[in-house]
Amino acid sequence: MTTLSATDARREFFELVKQANQGHQVYRIRHRKGSAVLMSEEDYESLMESLELLSIPGFRASMKRSAAQMKRGATLALNEVLGDES
């Protein structure tokens, strides 16, 4: 994360917005009354979705079990899950 002053952010605002959207850059903007973060809407929505999922009881444990199953190769093919459509 790049940190810059509010004055610099104001001067470079359009370039910062462009880089946040095109390059997924995140900027911390410092001001004497506090700091703010500039990031793309897409990245923000992704972060909020991740926080929502992680707040579901048991979600992390379920993801760990799933990752371990994948690592062991204990997975099913799509046609095994949905049934053979041929």
Protein backbone atom coordinates (compact mmCIF):
# COMPACT_ATOMS: atom_id res chain seq x y z
CA MET A 1 0.00 0.00 0.00
CA THR A 2 1.35 3.37 -1.00
CA THR A 3 1.02 6.21 1.51
CA LEU A 4 0.78 9.82 0.41
CA SER A 5 -0.36 13.13 1.82
CA ALA A 6 -3.80 14.53 1.11
CA THR A 7 -2.14 17.36 -0.80
CA ASP A 8 -0.31 14.91 -3.09
CA ALA A 9 -3.44 12.79 -3.47
CA ARG A 10 -5.45 15.85 -4.50
CA ARG A 11 -2.81 16.78 -7.09
CA GLU A 12 -2.68 13.20 -8.49
CA PHE A 13 -6.32 12.26 -7.88
CA PHE A 14 -7.32 11.16 -11.40
CA GLU A 15 -4.13 9.09 -11.82
CA LEU A 16 -4.69 7.46 -8.41
CA VAL A 17 -8.26 6.52 -9.33
CA LYS A 18 -7.02 5.10 -12.64
CA GLN A 19 -4.30 3.04 -10.93
CA ALA A 20 -6.69 1.84 -8.25
CA ASN A 21 -9.03 0.52 -10.94
CA GLN A 22 -6.60 -0.73 -13.57
CA GLY A 23 -3.73 -1.89 -11.39
CA HIS A 24 -5.58 -2.80 -8.18
CA GLN A 25 -3.40 -0.33 -6.30
CA VAL A 26 -4.42 0.67 -2.77
CA TYR A 27 -3.48 4.08 -1.38
CA ARG A 28 -3.39 5.35 2.19
CA ILE A 29 -4.03 9.08 2.15
CA ARG A 30 -2.79 10.89 5.25
CA HIS A 31 -4.37 14.04 6.59
CA ARG A 32 -3.78 15.80 9.90
CA LYS A 33 -7.32 14.80 10.96
CA GLY A 34 -6.87 11.13 10.05
CA SER A 35 -6.17 8.81 7.17
CA ALA A 36 -8.35 7.32 4.44
CA VAL A 37 -7.87 4.49 1.97
CA LEU A 38 -8.50 4.68 -1.77
CA MET A 39 -9.18 1.43 -3.61
CA SER A 40 -11.27 0.31 -6.55
CA GLU A 41 -14.95 -0.42 -6.04
CA GLU A 42 -14.33 -3.95 -7.34
CA ASP A 43 -11.64 -4.56 -4.70
CA TYR A 44 -13.84 -3.05 -2.00
CA GLU A 45 -16.79 -5.28 -2.93
CA SER A 46 -14.49 -8.33 -2.95
CA LEU A 47 -13.17 -7.42 0.50
CA MET A 48 -16.70 -6.98 1.88
CA GLU A 49 -17.77 -10.33 0.41
CA SER A 50 -14.75 -12.04 1.97
CA LEU A 51 -15.54 -10.51 5.37
CA GLU A 52 -19.15 -11.64 5.08
CA LEU A 53 -18.14 -15.20 4.22
CA LEU A 54 -15.57 -15.35 7.01
CA SER A 55 -18.24 -14.23 9.50
CA ILE A 56 -20.32 -17.36 8.81
CA PRO A 57 -19.85 -19.82 11.68
CA GLY A 58 -17.84 -22.85 10.55
CA PHE A 59 -16.89 -21.38 7.17
CA ARG A 60 -13.14 -21.34 7.81
CA ALA A 61 -13.14 -24.92 9.08
CA SER A 62 -15.14 -26.02 6.05
CA MET A 63 -12.69 -24.30 3.69
CA LYS A 64 -9.74 -25.99 5.44
CA ARG A 65 -11.42 -29.40 5.10
CA SER A 66 -12.13 -28.73 1.42
CA ALA A 67 -8.52 -27.67 0.79
CA ALA A 68 -7.25 -30.82 2.49
CA GLN A 69 -9.60 -32.97 0.38
CA MET A 70 -8.35 -31.29 -2.79
CA LYS A 71 -4.73 -31.82 -1.74
CA ARG A 72 -5.43 -35.54 -1.18
CA GLY A 73 -7.20 -35.75 -4.55
CA ALA A 74 -10.47 -36.66 -2.84
CA THR A 75 -12.60 -34.80 -5.38
CA LEU A 76 -15.36 -35.70 -7.80
CA ALA A 77 -15.63 -34.95 -11.50
CA LEU A 78 -18.46 -32.64 -12.54
CA ASN A 79 -20.38 -35.46 -14.23
CA GLU A 80 -20.17 -37.47 -10.97
CA VAL A 81 -21.77 -34.60 -9.11
CA LEU A 82 -24.41 -33.69 -11.69
CA GLY A 83 -24.94 -37.13 -13.18
CA ASP A 84 -23.82 -38.37 -16.57
CA GLU A 85 -25.59 -36.30 -19.24
CA SER A 86 -24.35 -38.33 -22.24
